[in-house]
Amino acid sequence: MASQLQDELDAFLAFLTLEKGLSENTLSNYQVDLEQFRLFLMEARKVRSWKEVSAGHVSDWIYSLSEADYSNASLCRKLSSLRSLDAFLLRDGCIRKSFTEIVSGPSLRRKAPYTLSIQEVERLISAPDETTPQGLRDVAILELFYSSGLRVSELTGLQLQQMDLEIGALKVFGKGSKERVCPIGRKAIAALERYLEVGRPQLVRAKTGSSVFISSRGSAISRKTIWVLIRKYASLAGIDKPVKPHMLRHSFATHLLSGGADLRVIQELLGHADISTTQIYTSVESERVRSAHDEFHPRSRGNMDTV
């Protein structure tokens, strides 16, 4: 019966692929986490069927990973993957009792996301050489990232037919293929128009499709290339922090909140399914307010003026 664990695990992964429409990266995480648990069950506990799995097995697995110095964030993700499998097996009648229901995961305090200041964003966007088609493309990428708060996968997968520059909006398909409409700011529209009129035609090749952002070879630009470009322009802009593509999404949300935008609006723009995910940005704003108070209030400063 050694294959029973694998067969039902394969069925669950097929369900995620066909029914849930998850990204390749998310599916890969599920597969790694659940395969790791399956091997633990077979090798360490000699379990051959999901019906034999208990909460004790799950707790032992999480403990073994903790002992191997996995971070709390990784442990929470692995337990979340296992809970999803557990729910699937219950729903399909493969097991009669949940093996994760009474298992508590490690406490996880979400860190406030790193962001760029408005001045740093402006320096970053000004870094590309706009006399080249690649430079026009890169300015459009940076402007759109910051203007619309897109994920890297949403930006690299963006197609020409998803944009309407006349009304200043684009339609994206985020996690789980959920559709949302994102506004495009005035400066981002101008950068996109310059790129589409002057830059992109010089990059088009015979096999180029309808991807908005394309490489010098005419193919859709990759996530890896985006990472390399943003690190390059951060260095040119003299930004002394490890800048990643997601920082522009974080900066987009934080600057909207600082400007007075409603948290629910920001949730919708970012495509978060749960408001609790968006609430992490309130901690960034609280820290900024606290810092400003400490710096400028006469009874918060370290050296108060004497009267």
Protein backbone atom coordinates (compact mmCIF):
# COMPACT_ATOMS: atom_id res chain seq x y z
CA MET A 1 0.00 0.00 0.00
CA ALA A 2 3.04 2.22 -0.27
CA SER A 3 1.47 4.01 -3.25
CA GLN A 4 -1.78 4.95 -1.46
CA LEU A 5 -0.24 8.04 0.13
CA GLN A 6 1.19 9.08 -3.23
CA ASP A 7 -2.00 8.39 -5.21
CA GLU A 8 -4.19 10.60 -3.05
CA LEU A 9 -1.51 13.26 -2.85
CA ASP A 10 -1.37 13.29 -6.66
CA ALA A 11 -5.17 13.61 -6.78
CA PHE A 12 -5.00 16.64 -4.48
CA LEU A 13 -2.29 18.32 -6.57
CA ALA A 14 -4.36 17.68 -9.72
CA PHE A 15 -7.35 19.27 -7.97
CA LEU A 16 -5.27 22.37 -7.17
CA THR A 17 -4.09 22.59 -10.76
CA LEU A 18 -7.42 22.05 -12.51
CA GLU A 19 -9.96 23.49 -10.07
CA LYS A 20 -8.10 26.22 -8.22
CA GLY A 21 -5.96 27.63 -11.02
CA LEU A 22 -3.01 28.29 -8.70
CA SER A 23 0.29 29.65 -9.99
CA GLU A 24 3.19 27.30 -10.74
CA ASN A 25 5.13 28.72 -7.82
CA THR A 26 2.28 28.08 -5.35
CA LEU A 27 1.74 24.56 -6.70
CA SER A 28 5.45 23.88 -6.35
CA ASN A 29 5.33 24.95 -2.69
CA TYR A 30 2.40 22.60 -2.02
CA GLN A 31 4.20 19.74 -3.73
CA VAL A 32 7.45 20.27 -1.80
CA ASP A 33 5.68 20.59 1.57
CA LEU A 34 3.37 17.60 1.15
CA GLU A 35 5.99 15.33 -0.38
CA GLN A 36 8.20 16.13 2.60
CA PHE A 37 5.40 15.09 4.98
CA ARG A 38 4.68 11.92 2.97
CA LEU A 39 8.32 10.85 3.22
CA PHE A 40 8.30 11.60 6.97
CA LEU A 41 5.23 9.38 7.40
CA MET A 42 6.76 6.49 5.44
CA GLU A 43 10.33 6.63 6.69
CA ALA A 44 10.01 7.87 10.26
CA ARG A 45 6.60 6.50 11.23
CA LYS A 46 6.06 3.61 8.78
CA VAL A 47 2.62 4.97 7.84
CA ARG A 48 1.20 3.71 4.54
CA SER A 49 -2.31 5.21 4.42
CA TRP A 50 -3.81 8.65 5.10
CA LYS A 51 -6.36 6.90 7.33
CA GLU A 52 -3.51 6.06 9.71
CA VAL A 53 -2.33 9.66 10.03
CA SER A 54 -2.99 11.37 13.36
CA ALA A 55 -2.50 14.81 14.89
CA GLY A 56 0.48 13.32 16.72
CA HIS A 57 2.21 12.59 13.40
CA VAL A 58 1.68 16.19 12.29
CA SER A 59 2.98 17.61 15.59
CA ASP A 60 6.03 15.33 15.44
CA TRP A 61 6.76 16.46 11.87
CA ILE A 62 6.47 20.15 12.72
CA TYR A 63 8.71 19.61 15.77
CA SER A 64 11.34 17.81 13.66
CA LEU A 65 11.37 20.68 11.18
CA SER A 66 11.70 23.19 14.01
CA GLU A 67 14.67 21.23 15.33
CA ALA A 68 16.17 21.43 11.82
CA ASP A 69 16.05 25.26 12.10
CA TYR A 70 13.14 25.93 9.75
CA SER A 71 11.76 29.43 10.33
CA ASN A 72 8.33 29.96 11.86
CA ALA A 73 7.15 31.38 8.54
CA SER A 74 8.17 28.16 6.74
CA LEU A 75 6.52 26.00 9.40
CA CYS A 76 3.27 27.96 9.13
CA ARG A 77 3.29 27.57 5.35
CA LYS A 78 3.88 23.82 5.57
CA LEU A 79 1.11 23.39 8.11
CA SER A 80 -1.22 25.45 5.91
CA SER A 81 -0.44 23.14 2.96
CA LEU A 82 -1.21 20.14 5.13
CA ARG A 83 -4.52 21.64 6.33
CA SER A 84 -5.60 22.08 2.71
CA LEU A 85 -4.79 18.43 1.94
CA ASP A 86 -6.60 17.36 5.12
CA ALA A 87 -9.76 19.24 4.07
CA PHE A 88 -9.58 17.66 0.59
CA LEU A 89 -9.25 14.13 1.98
CA LEU A 90 -12.17 14.68 4.38
CA ARG A 91 -14.37 16.06 1.61
CA ASP A 92 -13.58 13.09 -0.65
CA GLY A 93 -14.21 10.56 2.12
CA CYS A 94 -10.62 9.31 2.11
CA ILE A 95 -10.36 9.92 5.86
CA ARG A 96 -13.05 10.10 8.57
CA LYS A 97 -11.32 12.42 11.02
CA SER A 98 -9.14 15.50 10.55
CA PHE A 99 -5.49 15.05 11.45
CA THR A 100 -4.74 18.80 11.59
CA GLU A 101 -7.76 20.25 13.44
CA ILE A 102 -6.24 20.18 16.91
CA VAL A 103 -2.67 20.97 15.81
CA SER A 104 -1.52 24.50 16.61
CA GLY A 105 1.22 26.01 14.53
CA PRO A 106 4.03 28.31 15.70
CA SER A 107 3.10 31.90 16.44
CA LEU A 108 3.96 34.11 13.53
CA ARG A 109 4.30 37.84 13.87
CA ARG A 110 4.20 39.37 10.42
CA LYS A 111 7.03 41.79 9.80
CA ALA A 112 6.23 45.20 8.44
CA PRO A 113 7.19 45.21 4.73
CA TYR A 114 10.22 47.18 3.62
CA THR A 115 9.29 50.16 1.51
CA LEU A 116 10.93 52.98 -0.41
CA SER A 117 10.38 56.64 0.35
CA ILE A 118 8.70 58.78 -2.30
CA GLN A 119 12.08 60.38 -3.06
CA GLU A 120 13.72 56.97 -3.50
CA VAL A 121 10.95 55.87 -5.86
CA GLU A 122 11.48 58.99 -7.94
CA ARG A 123 15.23 58.38 -8.12
CA LEU A 124 14.65 54.75 -9.08
CA ILE A 125 12.26 55.65 -11.89
CA SER A 126 14.68 58.30 -13.18
CA ALA A 127 17.59 55.84 -13.40
CA PRO A 128 16.96 54.15 -16.82
CA ASP A 129 18.38 55.69 -20.00
CA GLU A 130 15.30 56.80 -21.95
CA THR A 131 17.27 57.24 -25.18
CA THR A 132 17.15 53.45 -25.69
CA PRO A 133 14.13 51.18 -26.28
CA GLN A 134 15.12 49.12 -23.26
CA GLY A 135 15.27 52.25 -21.13
CA LEU A 136 11.80 53.33 -22.26
CA ARG A 137 10.54 49.86 -21.41
CA ASP A 138 12.15 49.90 -17.99
CA VAL A 139 10.73 53.31 -17.06
CA ALA A 140 7.28 52.05 -18.07
CA ILE A 141 7.81 48.93 -15.92
CA LEU A 142 8.84 50.95 -12.86
CA GLU A 143 6.06 53.50 -13.31
CA LEU A 144 3.44 50.78 -13.68
CA PHE A 145 4.72 48.82 -10.69
CA TYR A 146 4.47 51.88 -8.49
CA SER A 147 1.28 53.25 -10.03
CA SER A 148 -0.81 50.08 -9.91
CA GLY A 149 0.77 47.90 -7.21
CA LEU A 150 1.09 44.86 -9.45
CA ARG A 151 2.73 41.59 -8.49
CA VAL A 152 5.76 40.59 -10.57
CA SER A 153 3.84 37.71 -12.16
CA GLU A 154 0.98 40.06 -13.08
CA LEU A 155 3.37 42.49 -14.75
CA THR A 156 5.36 39.89 -16.70
CA GLY A 157 2.13 38.23 -17.85
CA LEU A 158 0.43 41.48 -18.89
CA GLN A 159 -0.98 41.43 -22.44
CA LEU A 160 -1.70 44.42 -24.69
CA GLN A 161 -5.42 43.63 -24.72
CA GLN A 162 -5.56 43.94 -20.91
CA MET A 163 -4.74 47.66 -21.01
CA ASP A 164 -6.88 50.66 -21.89
CA LEU A 165 -4.72 53.75 -21.71
CA GLU A 166 -7.55 56.03 -22.80
CA ILE A 167 -9.50 55.37 -19.63
CA GLY A 168 -6.33 54.68 -17.60
CA ALA A 169 -7.01 51.15 -16.39
CA LEU A 170 -5.84 47.59 -16.84
CA LYS A 171 -7.35 44.20 -16.08
CA VAL A 172 -5.15 41.66 -14.33
CA PHE A 173 -5.58 38.08 -13.21
CA GLY A 174 -4.01 37.63 -9.80
CA LYS A 175 -3.68 34.67 -7.43
CA GLY A 176 -6.18 31.93 -8.16
CA SER A 177 -6.91 33.62 -11.52
CA LYS A 178 -9.00 36.24 -9.70
CA GLU A 179 -9.72 39.18 -11.96
CA ARG A 180 -9.43 42.79 -10.84
CA VAL A 181 -9.24 46.20 -12.50
CA CYS A 182 -6.33 48.48 -11.57
CA PRO A 183 -6.15 52.21 -12.32
CA ILE A 184 -3.03 53.55 -14.05
CA GLY A 185 -1.62 56.88 -12.92
CA ARG A 186 -1.01 59.80 -15.25
CA LYS A 187 2.79 59.46 -15.28
CA ALA A 188 2.56 55.71 -15.82
CA ILE A 189 0.21 56.25 -18.78
CA ALA A 190 2.68 58.71 -20.32
CA ALA A 191 5.59 56.27 -19.83
CA LEU A 192 3.58 53.40 -21.33
CA GLU A 193 2.59 55.49 -24.35
CA ARG A 194 6.24 56.42 -25.02
CA TYR A 195 7.31 52.80 -24.70
CA LEU A 196 4.50 51.42 -26.90
CA GLU A 197 5.01 54.07 -29.60
CA VAL A 198 8.81 54.25 -29.67
CA GLY A 199 10.46 51.52 -27.57
CA ARG A 200 8.46 48.34 -28.06
CA PRO A 201 8.39 48.47 -31.91
CA GLN A 202 12.20 48.32 -31.86
CA LEU A 203 12.15 45.21 -29.69
CA VAL A 204 9.49 43.30 -31.66
CA ARG A 205 10.66 40.21 -33.53
CA ALA A 206 8.94 37.78 -35.91
CA LYS A 207 7.63 35.55 -33.12
CA THR A 208 6.72 38.30 -30.65
CA GLY A 209 3.26 37.84 -29.15
CA SER A 210 1.03 40.33 -27.36
CA SER A 211 3.03 40.61 -24.13
CA VAL A 212 3.34 44.25 -23.14
CA PHE A 213 6.90 44.03 -21.85
CA ILE A 214 9.35 42.18 -24.07
CA SER A 215 13.08 41.50 -24.02
CA SER A 216 15.66 42.45 -26.62
CA ARG A 217 14.97 39.05 -28.23
CA GLY A 218 11.29 39.89 -28.60
CA SER A 219 10.03 37.38 -26.02
CA ALA A 220 8.01 38.17 -22.90
CA ILE A 221 10.26 39.59 -20.21
CA SER A 222 10.96 37.15 -17.37
CA ARG A 223 10.62 37.53 -13.61
CA LYS A 224 14.37 37.02 -13.24
CA THR A 225 15.08 39.87 -15.66
CA ILE A 226 12.78 42.17 -13.68
CA TRP A 227 14.72 41.37 -10.49
CA VAL A 228 18.05 42.06 -12.21
CA LEU A 229 16.83 45.35 -13.68
CA ILE A 230 15.45 46.68 -10.40
CA ARG A 231 18.66 45.85 -8.53
CA LYS A 232 20.63 47.58 -11.29
CA TYR A 233 18.55 50.76 -11.19
CA ALA A 234 18.53 50.84 -7.38
CA SER A 235 22.32 50.83 -7.49
CA LEU A 236 22.39 53.58 -10.12
CA ALA A 237 19.95 55.61 -8.02
CA GLY A 238 22.19 55.30 -4.97
CA ILE A 239 19.55 53.52 -2.89
CA ASP A 240 21.36 51.84 -0.01
CA LYS A 241 18.93 49.01 0.70
CA PRO A 242 18.19 45.65 -1.00
CA VAL A 243 15.47 46.72 -3.43
CA LYS A 244 13.22 43.97 -4.81
CA PRO A 245 10.24 44.18 -7.20
CA HIS A 246 7.75 43.58 -4.38
CA MET A 247 9.05 46.69 -2.59
CA LEU A 248 7.37 48.84 -5.23
CA ARG A 249 4.07 47.08 -4.50
CA HIS A 250 4.61 47.65 -0.78
CA SER A 251 5.53 51.28 -1.41
CA PHE A 252 2.41 51.75 -3.54
CA ALA A 253 0.19 50.54 -0.69
CA THR A 254 2.03 52.41 2.06
CA HIS A 255 2.05 55.72 0.21
CA LEU A 256 -1.67 55.38 -0.56
CA LEU A 257 -2.36 54.79 3.12
CA SER A 258 -0.19 57.76 4.10
CA GLY A 259 -2.18 59.89 1.66
CA GLY A 260 -5.45 58.97 3.35
CA ALA A 261 -6.73 56.09 1.19
CA ASP A 262 -9.20 53.69 2.83
CA LEU A 263 -7.76 50.28 3.76
CA ARG A 264 -10.60 48.49 1.95
CA VAL A 265 -9.77 50.37 -1.26
CA ILE A 266 -6.12 49.37 -0.93
CA GLN A 267 -7.19 45.75 -0.35
CA GLU A 268 -9.16 45.81 -3.59
CA LEU A 269 -6.33 47.43 -5.56
CA LEU A 270 -3.81 44.88 -4.31
CA GLY A 271 -6.14 41.94 -4.90
CA HIS A 272 -5.94 40.66 -1.31
CA ALA A 273 -8.64 38.12 -0.49
CA ASP A 274 -8.49 38.94 3.23
CA ILE A 275 -8.33 42.41 4.81
CA SER A 276 -5.93 41.04 7.45
CA THR A 277 -3.27 40.73 4.73
CA THR A 278 -3.67 44.41 3.90
CA GLN A 279 -3.59 45.49 7.55
CA ILE A 280 0.16 44.90 7.69
CA TYR A 281 0.54 48.30 6.01
CA THR A 282 -1.07 50.04 8.97
CA SER A 283 1.94 49.00 11.06
CA VAL A 284 4.24 50.73 8.56
CA GLU A 285 2.19 53.91 8.82
CA SER A 286 2.08 53.67 12.63
CA GLU A 287 5.87 53.36 12.73
CA ARG A 288 6.21 56.39 10.44
CA VAL A 289 3.92 58.48 12.66
CA ARG A 290 5.76 57.32 15.79
CA SER A 291 9.11 58.22 14.22
CA ALA A 292 7.86 61.67 13.22
CA HIS A 293 6.54 62.25 16.75
CA ASP A 294 9.85 61.19 18.29
CA GLU A 295 11.78 63.46 15.95
CA PHE A 296 9.69 66.61 16.09
CA HIS A 297 7.69 66.73 19.32
CA PRO A 298 9.56 68.78 21.96
CA ARG A 299 8.82 66.22 24.70
CA SER A 300 9.88 63.24 22.59
CA ARG A 301 13.28 64.49 21.45
CA GLY A 302 16.31 63.24 23.28
CA ASN A 303 17.66 66.72 23.94
CA MET A 304 14.84 69.10 24.73
CA ASP A 305 15.47 72.80 24.47
CA THR A 306 15.83 74.43 27.84
CA VAL A 307 13.71 77.46 28.64
